[in-house]
Amino acid sequence: MKKYGALEAGGTKMVLAVMDGEGTELQRKVIPTRTPEETMPEMLSFFIGEHLAALGVGCFGPLDLNPASPTYGSITRTPKLAWRGYPILRAFEQALSIPVALDTDVNGAALAEAKLGAARGLSSCLYLTVGTGIGGGLIVGGEPVHGLMHPEIGHLLLTPEPDDPAPAGFCPYHPHCAEGLASGPAIEKRWGVSARDLPEDHPAWALEASYLAQVCADAMLAFSPKKIILGGGVMHQSFLFPMIREKTVRLLNGYIPVPAVEAGLMDYIVPTGLGDQSGILGAWLLARQAEASHV
């Protein structure tokens, strides 16, 4: 039986799995994301000896994904300073001597949703995760989008709402970007309470829905994906979905005359089809791609 390694490398935790050819998990381990010197040996010890056919890594970013770049496969301007400049692709390739594929964690999750989840059968979709940060993976023509770098949907610049008590947001790079205004930590910094502890009628949620609606409307106008999928810890608050849909329709103001919008985006802005498994299944799909490209 062939086995594949999958790593969902997040800013807070690393989810590691060994999976078979059908995507069934055989082993799983979750460890905190510490420094590379502390974290990499523990991850390597999990994979070494498993006789893996390939490894797929969906990693927090930003990443250098340009194969012609001298720093290809490295983490770049991450706020996690210990990982800045770390050559994560090369480290795994050298230690494991197997094919390794690297992409952003959100591109991996988007790939899984496109192949196996809420966007299955569609040629394009946007997966947006709203949690510790905000990130977006964009699939076009069935493949993750890479270009000058990779999409950084979480740093789209938004118009602050007039009733926002912290209209600049909390991003160290950009005032009033999506991540700085609407991530889980931004909610907590603004209101002094964790998002999970806020009641449903708290004004935080109307503000959150407004900002996420701006992201969705911008994405529809810029990329025209066939579906937008919202995941991450903040989106466990399922009551946000109808609020976001309504506000997105209002922002579009009749400019996109298609049935999905006219129906109120009920089947267009949707939860993940794979739940919290999108990321690890995306890493598994990357591993399968790595194996195929090395045949």
C-alpha atoms as a PDB file:
ATOM      1  CA  MET A   1       0.000   0.000   0.000  1.00  0.00           C
ATOM      2  CA  LYS A   2       1.343   3.414  -0.975  1.00  0.00           C
ATOM      3  CA  LYS A   3       1.454   6.014   1.758  1.00  0.00           C
ATOM      4  CA  TYR A   4       1.562   9.795   1.472  1.00  0.00           C
ATOM      5  CA  GLY A   5       2.577  12.464   3.933  1.00  0.00           C
ATOM      6  CA  ALA A   6       0.386  15.516   4.447  1.00  0.00           C
ATOM      7  CA  LEU A   7       1.264  18.611   6.447  1.00  0.00           C
ATOM      8  CA  GLU A   8      -1.042  21.519   7.170  1.00  0.00           C
ATOM      9  CA  ALA A   9       1.494  24.007   8.494  1.00  0.00           C
ATOM     10  CA  GLY A  10      -0.345  26.760  10.316  1.00  0.00           C
ATOM     11  CA  GLY A  11       0.889  29.720  12.261  1.00  0.00           C
ATOM     12  CA  THR A  12      -0.469  28.251  15.495  1.00  0.00           C
ATOM     13  CA  LYS A  13      -0.257  24.496  14.991  1.00  0.00           C
ATOM     14  CA  MET A  14       1.100  21.872  12.631  1.00  0.00           C
ATOM     15  CA  VAL A  15      -1.265  19.077  11.576  1.00  0.00           C
ATOM     16  CA  LEU A  16       0.632  16.049  10.266  1.00  0.00           C
ATOM     17  CA  ALA A  17      -0.903  12.965   8.704  1.00  0.00           C
ATOM     18  CA  VAL A  18       0.034   9.763   6.903  1.00  0.00           C
ATOM     19  CA  MET A  19      -2.645   8.850   4.388  1.00  0.00           C
ATOM     20  CA  ASP A  20      -3.302   6.080   1.892  1.00  0.00           C
ATOM     21  CA  GLY A  21      -4.004   6.490  -1.810  1.00  0.00           C
ATOM     22  CA  GLU A  22      -7.700   7.102  -1.178  1.00  0.00           C
ATOM     23  CA  GLY A  23      -7.108   9.926   1.279  1.00  0.00           C
ATOM     24  CA  THR A  24      -7.871   7.883   4.390  1.00  0.00           C
ATOM     25  CA  GLU A  25      -5.838   8.914   7.425  1.00  0.00           C
ATOM     26  CA  LEU A  26      -3.641   6.198   8.858  1.00  0.00           C
ATOM     27  CA  GLN A  27      -1.903   8.376  11.451  1.00  0.00           C
ATOM     28  CA  ARG A  28      -2.265  11.944  12.686  1.00  0.00           C
ATOM     29  CA  LYS A  29      -0.300  14.202  14.982  1.00  0.00           C
ATOM     30  CA  VAL A  30      -0.832  17.826  16.003  1.00  0.00           C
ATOM     31  CA  ILE A  31       1.997  19.891  17.458  1.00  0.00           C
ATOM     32  CA  PRO A  32       2.319  23.609  18.264  1.00  0.00           C
ATOM     33  CA  THR A  33       4.165  25.836  15.808  1.00  0.00           C
ATOM     34  CA  ARG A  34       7.315  26.893  17.601  1.00  0.00           C
ATOM     35  CA  THR A  35      10.667  27.853  16.037  1.00  0.00           C
ATOM     36  CA  PRO A  36      12.002  25.818  13.093  1.00  0.00           C
ATOM     37  CA  GLU A  37      14.737  24.433  15.336  1.00  0.00           C
ATOM     38  CA  GLU A  38      12.109  23.075  17.733  1.00  0.00           C
ATOM     39  CA  THR A  39       9.381  22.132  15.277  1.00  0.00           C
ATOM     40  CA  MET A  40      11.151  20.597  12.278  1.00  0.00           C
ATOM     41  CA  PRO A  41      12.850  17.683  14.117  1.00  0.00           C
ATOM     42  CA  GLU A  42       9.510  16.635  15.599  1.00  0.00           C
ATOM     43  CA  MET A  43       7.822  16.762  12.206  1.00  0.00           C
ATOM     44  CA  LEU A  44      10.621  14.871  10.486  1.00  0.00           C
ATOM     45  CA  SER A  45      10.565  12.134  13.123  1.00  0.00           C
ATOM     46  CA  PHE A  46       6.862  11.644  12.391  1.00  0.00           C
ATOM     47  CA  PHE A  47       7.429  11.132   8.661  1.00  0.00           C
ATOM     48  CA  ILE A  48      10.815   9.344   8.619  1.00  0.00           C
ATOM     49  CA  GLY A  49      10.444   5.591   8.477  1.00  0.00           C
ATOM     50  CA  GLU A  50       6.949   5.672   6.966  1.00  0.00           C
ATOM     51  CA  HIS A  51       8.288   4.915   3.453  1.00  0.00           C
ATOM     52  CA  LEU A  52       6.215   7.691   1.928  1.00  0.00           C
ATOM     53  CA  ALA A  53       5.722   8.006  -1.819  1.00  0.00           C
ATOM     54  CA  ALA A  54       5.569  11.808  -1.536  1.00  0.00           C
ATOM     55  CA  LEU A  55       4.818  14.671   0.847  1.00  0.00           C
ATOM     56  CA  GLY A  56       2.438  17.587   0.372  1.00  0.00           C
ATOM     57  CA  VAL A  57       2.806  20.751   2.444  1.00  0.00           C
ATOM     58  CA  GLY A  58       0.168  23.450   2.722  1.00  0.00           C
ATOM     59  CA  CYS A  59       1.978  26.200   4.615  1.00  0.00           C
ATOM     60  CA  PHE A  60       1.300  29.595   6.153  1.00  0.00           C
ATOM     61  CA  GLY A  61       2.895  32.348   4.137  1.00  0.00           C
ATOM     62  CA  PRO A  62       3.763  34.403   2.341  1.00  0.00           C
ATOM     63  CA  LEU A  63       5.787  31.875   0.349  1.00  0.00           C
ATOM     64  CA  ASP A  64       8.215  32.086  -2.563  1.00  0.00           C
ATOM     65  CA  LEU A  65       6.561  29.782  -5.107  1.00  0.00           C
ATOM     66  CA  ASN A  66       8.549  30.858  -8.166  1.00  0.00           C
ATOM     67  CA  PRO A  67      10.650  27.853  -9.288  1.00  0.00           C
ATOM     68  CA  ALA A  68      13.147  30.208 -10.956  1.00  0.00           C
ATOM     69  CA  SER A  69      13.794  32.110  -7.728  1.00  0.00           C
ATOM     70  CA  PRO A  70      16.927  31.394  -5.664  1.00  0.00           C
ATOM     71  CA  THR A  71      14.717  31.306  -2.555  1.00  0.00           C
ATOM     72  CA  TYR A  72      12.040  29.054  -4.082  1.00  0.00           C
ATOM     73  CA  GLY A  73      10.200  27.087  -1.422  1.00  0.00           C
ATOM     74  CA  SER A  74      11.002  29.510   1.392  1.00  0.00           C
ATOM     75  CA  ILE A  75       8.701  31.344   3.785  1.00  0.00           C
ATOM     76  CA  THR A  76       9.100  35.077   3.202  1.00  0.00           C
ATOM     77  CA  ARG A  77       7.631  38.082   5.097  1.00  0.00           C
ATOM     78  CA  THR A  78       5.725  36.143   7.733  1.00  0.00           C
ATOM     79  CA  PRO A  79       4.975  37.899  11.035  1.00  0.00           C
ATOM     80  CA  LYS A  80       6.375  34.723  12.670  1.00  0.00           C
ATOM     81  CA  LEU A  81       9.907  36.064  12.675  1.00  0.00           C
ATOM     82  CA  ALA A  82      11.619  32.759  13.515  1.00  0.00           C
ATOM     83  CA  TRP A  83      10.296  31.313  10.236  1.00  0.00           C
ATOM     84  CA  ARG A  84      11.117  34.305   8.031  1.00  0.00           C
ATOM     85  CA  GLY A  85      13.383  33.134   5.210  1.00  0.00           C
ATOM     86  CA  TYR A  86      13.152  29.490   6.251  1.00  0.00           C
ATOM     87  CA  PRO A  87      13.622  27.089   3.257  1.00  0.00           C
ATOM     88  CA  ILE A  88      10.842  24.699   4.239  1.00  0.00           C
ATOM     89  CA  LEU A  89      10.602  22.909   0.884  1.00  0.00           C
ATOM     90  CA  ARG A  90      14.326  22.188   0.697  1.00  0.00           C
ATOM     91  CA  ALA A  91      14.442  21.095   4.344  1.00  0.00           C
ATOM     92  CA  PHE A  92      11.843  18.383   3.749  1.00  0.00           C
ATOM     93  CA  GLU A  93      13.329  17.311   0.395  1.00  0.00           C
ATOM     94  CA  GLN A  94      16.803  16.901   1.853  1.00  0.00           C
ATOM     95  CA  ALA A  95      15.664  15.082   4.989  1.00  0.00           C
ATOM     96  CA  LEU A  96      13.154  12.710   3.385  1.00  0.00           C
ATOM     97  CA  SER A  97      14.569  12.220  -0.143  1.00  0.00           C
ATOM     98  CA  ILE A  98      11.085  11.997  -1.663  1.00  0.00           C
ATOM     99  CA  PRO A  99       9.061  14.288  -3.951  1.00  0.00           C
ATOM    100  CA  VAL A 100       7.643  17.237  -1.993  1.00  0.00           C
ATOM    101  CA  ALA A 101       5.064  19.771  -3.160  1.00  0.00           C
ATOM    102  CA  LEU A 102       4.544  23.101  -1.404  1.00  0.00           C
ATOM    103  CA  ASP A 103       1.734  25.615  -1.675  1.00  0.00           C
ATOM    104  CA  THR A 104      -0.055  27.986   0.663  1.00  0.00           C
ATOM    105  CA  ASP A 105      -2.308  26.384   3.233  1.00  0.00           C
ATOM    106  CA  VAL A 106      -5.318  28.160   1.739  1.00  0.00           C
ATOM    107  CA  ASN A 107      -4.464  27.132  -1.822  1.00  0.00           C
ATOM    108  CA  GLY A 108      -4.287  23.561  -0.549  1.00  0.00           C
ATOM    109  CA  ALA A 109      -7.662  23.860   1.161  1.00  0.00           C
ATOM    110  CA  ALA A 110      -9.135  25.475  -1.958  1.00  0.00           C
ATOM    111  CA  LEU A 111      -7.812  22.596  -4.054  1.00  0.00           C
ATOM    112  CA  ALA A 112      -9.472  20.086  -1.732  1.00  0.00           C
ATOM    113  CA  GLU A 113     -12.786  21.932  -1.850  1.00  0.00           C
ATOM    114  CA  ALA A 114     -12.562  22.093  -5.654  1.00  0.00           C
ATOM    115  CA  LYS A 115     -11.743  18.404  -6.079  1.00  0.00           C
ATOM    116  CA  LEU A 116     -13.667  16.842  -3.195  1.00  0.00           C
ATOM    117  CA  GLY A 117     -15.826  19.407  -1.425  1.00  0.00           C
ATOM    118  CA  ALA A 118     -18.223  22.302  -1.873  1.00  0.00           C
ATOM    119  CA  ALA A 119     -16.901  23.324  -5.320  1.00  0.00           C
ATOM    120  CA  ARG A 120     -16.577  19.812  -6.746  1.00  0.00           C
ATOM    121  CA  GLY A 121     -17.214  19.823 -10.476  1.00  0.00           C
ATOM    122  CA  LEU A 122     -16.633  23.573 -10.835  1.00  0.00           C
ATOM    123  CA  SER A 123     -13.716  25.058 -12.740  1.00  0.00           C
ATOM    124  CA  SER A 124     -13.137  27.883 -10.270  1.00  0.00           C
ATOM    125  CA  CYS A 125     -13.710  28.807  -6.646  1.00  0.00           C
ATOM    126  CA  LEU A 126     -12.384  30.972  -3.852  1.00  0.00           C
ATOM    127  CA  TYR A 127     -11.723  29.443  -0.448  1.00  0.00           C
ATOM    128  CA  LEU A 128     -11.483  32.040   2.315  1.00  0.00           C
ATOM    129  CA  THR A 129     -10.412  31.110   5.825  1.00  0.00           C
ATOM    130  CA  VAL A 130     -11.279  33.474   8.679  1.00  0.00           C
ATOM    131  CA  GLY A 131      -9.497  32.592  11.887  1.00  0.00           C
ATOM    132  CA  THR A 132      -6.127  33.481  13.384  1.00  0.00           C
ATOM    133  CA  GLY A 133      -5.576  35.304  10.112  1.00  0.00           C
ATOM    134  CA  ILE A 134      -7.494  35.696   6.882  1.00  0.00           C
ATOM    135  CA  GLY A 135      -6.272  33.952   3.777  1.00  0.00           C
ATOM    136  CA  GLY A 136      -7.699  33.083   0.400  1.00  0.00           C
ATOM    137  CA  GLY A 137      -6.957  30.289  -2.025  1.00  0.00           C
ATOM    138  CA  LEU A 138      -8.107  30.841  -5.601  1.00  0.00           C
ATOM    139  CA  ILE A 139      -8.707  27.987  -8.040  1.00  0.00           C
ATOM    140  CA  VAL A 140      -9.016  28.807 -11.751  1.00  0.00           C
ATOM    141  CA  GLY A 141      -9.162  26.123 -14.419  1.00  0.00           C
ATOM    142  CA  GLY A 142      -8.989  23.524 -11.684  1.00  0.00           C
ATOM    143  CA  GLU A 143      -5.564  24.672 -10.448  1.00  0.00           C
ATOM    144  CA  PRO A 144      -4.368  27.050  -7.690  1.00  0.00           C
ATOM    145  CA  VAL A 145      -3.459  30.502  -8.947  1.00  0.00           C
ATOM    146  CA  HIS A 146       0.193  31.550  -8.802  1.00  0.00           C
ATOM    147  CA  GLY A 147       1.513  34.694 -10.404  1.00  0.00           C
ATOM    148  CA  LEU A 148       3.777  37.455  -9.214  1.00  0.00           C
ATOM    149  CA  MET A 149       3.502  35.622  -5.885  1.00  0.00           C
ATOM    150  CA  HIS A 150       0.221  34.065  -4.805  1.00  0.00           C
ATOM    151  CA  PRO A 151      -3.124  35.632  -3.895  1.00  0.00           C
ATOM    152  CA  GLU A 152      -3.125  37.470  -0.567  1.00  0.00           C
ATOM    153  CA  ILE A 153      -6.865  37.970  -0.189  1.00  0.00           C
ATOM    154  CA  GLY A 154      -6.483  38.658   3.521  1.00  0.00           C
ATOM    155  CA  HIS A 155      -4.695  41.892   2.744  1.00  0.00           C
ATOM    156  CA  LEU A 156      -7.299  43.367   0.427  1.00  0.00           C
ATOM    157  CA  LEU A 157      -7.838  46.955   1.524  1.00  0.00           C
ATOM    158  CA  LEU A 158     -11.387  47.574   2.751  1.00  0.00           C
ATOM    159  CA  THR A 159     -13.470  50.641   3.490  1.00  0.00           C
ATOM    160  CA  PRO A 160     -13.766  50.979   7.282  1.00  0.00           C
ATOM    161  CA  GLU A 161     -17.322  50.968   8.590  1.00  0.00           C
ATOM    162  CA  PRO A 162     -18.344  54.289  10.215  1.00  0.00           C
ATOM    163  CA  ASP A 163     -19.306  52.592  13.500  1.00  0.00           C
ATOM    164  CA  ASP A 164     -16.047  50.634  13.835  1.00  0.00           C
ATOM    165  CA  PRO A 165     -14.299  51.622  17.096  1.00  0.00           C
ATOM    166  CA  ALA A 166     -10.954  50.535  15.563  1.00  0.00           C
ATOM    167  CA  PRO A 167     -11.202  51.563  11.898  1.00  0.00           C
ATOM    168  CA  ALA A 168      -7.492  51.196  11.136  1.00  0.00           C
ATOM    169  CA  GLY A 169      -7.538  47.547  12.162  1.00  0.00           C
ATOM    170  CA  PHE A 170      -4.602  45.668  13.630  1.00  0.00           C
ATOM    171  CA  CYS A 171      -2.399  44.529  10.732  1.00  0.00           C
ATOM    172  CA  PRO A 172       1.280  45.483  11.202  1.00  0.00           C
ATOM    173  CA  TYR A 173       1.626  46.012   7.433  1.00  0.00           C
ATOM    174  CA  HIS A 174      -1.568  47.710   6.212  1.00  0.00           C
ATOM    175  CA  PRO A 175      -4.233  49.916   7.763  1.00  0.00           C
ATOM    176  CA  HIS A 176      -7.795  48.659   7.196  1.00  0.00           C
ATOM    177  CA  CYS A 177      -6.964  45.418   5.377  1.00  0.00           C
ATOM    178  CA  ALA A 178      -9.289  42.424   5.724  1.00  0.00           C
ATOM    179  CA  GLU A 179      -7.058  40.523   8.148  1.00  0.00           C
ATOM    180  CA  GLY A 180      -6.469  43.568  10.316  1.00  0.00           C
ATOM    181  CA  LEU A 181     -10.196  44.302  10.494  1.00  0.00           C
ATOM    182  CA  ALA A 182     -11.915  40.911  10.533  1.00  0.00           C
ATOM    183  CA  SER A 183      -9.618  38.105  11.730  1.00  0.00           C
ATOM    184  CA  GLY A 184     -10.246  36.387  15.056  1.00  0.00           C
ATOM    185  CA  PRO A 185      -7.486  38.349  16.828  1.00  0.00           C
ATOM    186  CA  ALA A 186      -8.843  41.613  15.377  1.00  0.00           C
ATOM    187  CA  ILE A 187     -12.269  40.848  16.841  1.00  0.00           C
ATOM    188  CA  GLU A 188     -10.734  40.136  20.240  1.00  0.00           C
ATOM    189  CA  LYS A 189      -8.511  43.240  20.224  1.00  0.00           C
ATOM    190  CA  ARG A 190     -11.404  45.478  19.205  1.00  0.00           C
ATOM    191  CA  TRP A 191     -13.898  44.218  21.796  1.00  0.00           C
ATOM    192  CA  GLY A 192     -11.632  42.751  24.507  1.00  0.00           C
ATOM    193  CA  VAL A 193     -13.396  39.392  24.290  1.00  0.00           C
ATOM    194  CA  SER A 194     -12.619  36.286  22.261  1.00  0.00           C
ATOM    195  CA  ALA A 195     -14.916  35.851  19.263  1.00  0.00           C
ATOM    196  CA  ARG A 196     -16.090  32.509  20.599  1.00  0.00           C
ATOM    197  CA  ASP A 197     -17.415  34.210  23.747  1.00  0.00           C
ATOM    198  CA  LEU A 198     -19.391  36.973  22.039  1.00  0.00           C
ATOM    199  CA  PRO A 199     -23.198  36.534  22.036  1.00  0.00           C
ATOM    200  CA  GLU A 200     -24.986  36.348  18.704  1.00  0.00           C
ATOM    201  CA  ASP A 201     -26.582  39.782  19.168  1.00  0.00           C
ATOM    202  CA  HIS A 202     -23.261  41.551  19.831  1.00  0.00           C
ATOM    203  CA  PRO A 203     -22.514  44.434  17.406  1.00  0.00           C
ATOM    204  CA  ALA A 204     -19.226  42.709  16.563  1.00  0.00           C
ATOM    205  CA  TRP A 205     -21.041  40.320  14.226  1.00  0.00           C
ATOM    206  CA  ALA A 206     -22.770  42.940  12.075  1.00  0.00           C
ATOM    207  CA  LEU A 207     -19.378  44.615  11.679  1.00  0.00           C
ATOM    208  CA  GLU A 208     -17.715  41.284  10.863  1.00  0.00           C
ATOM    209  CA  ALA A 209     -20.353  40.452   8.256  1.00  0.00           C
ATOM    210  CA  SER A 210     -19.907  43.863   6.648  1.00  0.00           C
ATOM    211  CA  TYR A 211     -16.166  43.386   6.247  1.00  0.00           C
ATOM    212  CA  LEU A 212     -16.452  39.832   4.946  1.00  0.00           C
ATOM    213  CA  ALA A 213     -19.140  40.980   2.520  1.00  0.00           C
ATOM    214  CA  GLN A 214     -16.696  43.557   1.173  1.00  0.00           C
ATOM    215  CA  VAL A 215     -14.151  40.766   0.601  1.00  0.00           C
ATOM    216  CA  CYS A 216     -16.748  38.604  -1.146  1.00  0.00           C
ATOM    217  CA  ALA A 217     -17.972  41.448  -3.365  1.00  0.00           C
ATOM    218  CA  ASP A 218     -14.391  42.419  -4.269  1.00  0.00           C
ATOM    219  CA  ALA A 219     -13.583  38.799  -5.114  1.00  0.00           C
ATOM    220  CA  MET A 220     -16.680  38.435  -7.284  1.00  0.00           C
ATOM    221  CA  LEU A 221     -15.809  41.595  -9.202  1.00  0.00           C
ATOM    222  CA  ALA A 222     -12.089  40.824  -9.527  1.00  0.00           C
ATOM    223  CA  PHE A 223     -11.981  37.056 -10.099  1.00  0.00           C
ATOM    224  CA  SER A 224     -15.570  35.963 -10.831  1.00  0.00           C
ATOM    225  CA  PRO A 225     -15.211  32.573  -9.056  1.00  0.00           C
ATOM    226  CA  LYS A 226     -18.069  30.130  -9.499  1.00  0.00           C
ATOM    227  CA  LYS A 227     -18.347  29.666  -5.735  1.00  0.00           C
ATOM    228  CA  ILE A 228     -17.025  31.314  -2.564  1.00  0.00           C
ATOM    229  CA  ILE A 229     -16.367  28.982   0.357  1.00  0.00           C
ATOM    230  CA  LEU A 230     -15.874  30.387   3.856  1.00  0.00           C
ATOM    231  CA  GLY A 231     -14.049  28.367   6.505  1.00  0.00           C
ATOM    232  CA  GLY A 232     -11.916  28.860   9.595  1.00  0.00           C
ATOM    233  CA  GLY A 233     -12.743  29.236  13.260  1.00  0.00           C
ATOM    234  CA  VAL A 234     -14.709  32.485  13.005  1.00  0.00           C
ATOM    235  CA  MET A 235     -17.020  30.919  10.419  1.00  0.00           C
ATOM    236  CA  HIS A 236     -18.111  28.297  12.962  1.00  0.00           C
ATOM    237  CA  GLN A 237     -20.584  31.066  13.823  1.00  0.00           C
ATOM    238  CA  SER A 238     -23.029  29.824  11.194  1.00  0.00           C
ATOM    239  CA  PHE A 239     -25.414  32.756  11.720  1.00  0.00           C
ATOM    240  CA  LEU A 240     -22.848  34.912   9.885  1.00  0.00           C
ATOM    241  CA  PHE A 241     -23.613  33.333   6.510  1.00  0.00           C
ATOM    242  CA  PRO A 242     -27.036  34.926   5.855  1.00  0.00           C
ATOM    243  CA  MET A 243     -25.703  38.265   7.116  1.00  0.00           C
ATOM    244  CA  ILE A 244     -22.730  38.115   4.734  1.00  0.00           C
ATOM    245  CA  ARG A 245     -24.894  37.084   1.782  1.00  0.00           C
ATOM    246  CA  GLU A 246     -27.362  39.910   2.370  1.00  0.00           C
ATOM    247  CA  LYS A 247     -24.640  42.522   2.727  1.00  0.00           C
ATOM    248  CA  THR A 248     -22.790  41.239  -0.352  1.00  0.00           C
ATOM    249  CA  VAL A 249     -25.938  41.512  -2.487  1.00  0.00           C
ATOM    250  CA  ARG A 250     -26.421  45.049  -1.194  1.00  0.00           C
ATOM    251  CA  LEU A 251     -22.836  46.017  -2.053  1.00  0.00           C
ATOM    252  CA  LEU A 252     -23.134  44.610  -5.587  1.00  0.00           C
ATOM    253  CA  ASN A 253     -26.207  46.821  -6.042  1.00  0.00           C
ATOM    254  CA  GLY A 254     -27.569  44.898  -9.040  1.00  0.00           C
ATOM    255  CA  TYR A 255     -24.335  45.118 -11.038  1.00  0.00           C
ATOM    256  CA  ILE A 256     -23.935  41.334 -11.516  1.00  0.00           C
ATOM    257  CA  PRO A 257     -27.249  40.153 -13.032  1.00  0.00           C
ATOM    258  CA  VAL A 258     -26.837  36.404 -12.657  1.00  0.00           C
ATOM    259  CA  PRO A 259     -29.177  33.863 -11.023  1.00  0.00           C
ATOM    260  CA  ALA A 260     -26.836  33.185  -8.094  1.00  0.00           C
ATOM    261  CA  VAL A 261     -26.994  36.826  -7.005  1.00  0.00           C
ATOM    262  CA  GLU A 262     -30.697  37.157  -7.714  1.00  0.00           C
ATOM    263  CA  ALA A 263     -31.274  34.104  -5.488  1.00  0.00           C
ATOM    264  CA  GLY A 264     -29.505  35.864  -2.616  1.00  0.00           C
ATOM    265  CA  LEU A 265     -26.211  33.936  -2.935  1.00  0.00           C
ATOM    266  CA  MET A 266     -27.679  31.026  -0.928  1.00  0.00           C
ATOM    267  CA  ASP A 267     -25.754  28.426  -2.939  1.00  0.00           C
ATOM    268  CA  TYR A 268     -22.851  30.696  -3.801  1.00  0.00           C
ATOM    269  CA  ILE A 269     -21.354  31.875  -0.490  1.00  0.00           C
ATOM    270  CA  VAL A 270     -21.258  28.588   1.399  1.00  0.00           C
ATOM    271  CA  PRO A 271     -19.538  26.759   4.274  1.00  0.00           C
ATOM    272  CA  THR A 272     -16.790  24.251   3.588  1.00  0.00           C
ATOM    273  CA  GLY A 273     -17.880  20.922   2.184  1.00  0.00           C
ATOM    274  CA  LEU A 274     -15.062  19.122   3.996  1.00  0.00           C
ATOM    275  CA  GLY A 275     -15.345  20.811   7.382  1.00  0.00           C
ATOM    276  CA  ASP A 276     -12.009  21.189   9.118  1.00  0.00           C
ATOM    277  CA  GLN A 277     -10.467  18.525   6.839  1.00  0.00           C
ATOM    278  CA  SER A 278      -9.982  20.849   3.857  1.00  0.00           C
ATOM    279  CA  GLY A 279      -6.395  21.725   4.756  1.00  0.00           C
ATOM    280  CA  ILE A 280      -5.052  18.239   5.386  1.00  0.00           C
ATOM    281  CA  LEU A 281      -6.846  16.800   2.350  1.00  0.00           C
ATOM    282  CA  GLY A 282      -5.382  19.614   0.284  1.00  0.00           C
ATOM    283  CA  ALA A 283      -1.908  18.634   1.480  1.00  0.00           C
ATOM    284  CA  TRP A 284      -2.662  15.019   0.501  1.00  0.00           C
ATOM    285  CA  LEU A 285      -3.677  16.166  -2.989  1.00  0.00           C
ATOM    286  CA  LEU A 286      -0.422  18.126  -3.237  1.00  0.00           C
ATOM    287  CA  ALA A 287       1.478  14.957  -2.309  1.00  0.00           C
ATOM    288  CA  ARG A 288      -0.300  13.039  -5.086  1.00  0.00           C
ATOM    289  CA  GLN A 289       0.653  15.809  -7.513  1.00  0.00           C
ATOM    290  CA  ALA A 290       4.273  15.707  -6.341  1.00  0.00           C
ATOM    291  CA  GLU A 291       4.416  11.969  -6.990  1.00  0.00           C
ATOM    292  CA  ALA A 292       2.860  12.326 -10.451  1.00  0.00           C
ATOM    293  CA  SER A 293       5.250  15.088 -11.487  1.00  0.00           C
ATOM    294  CA  HIS A 294       8.286  12.961 -10.558  1.00  0.00           C
ATOM    295  CA  VAL A 295       7.259   9.856 -12.502  1.00  0.00           C
END
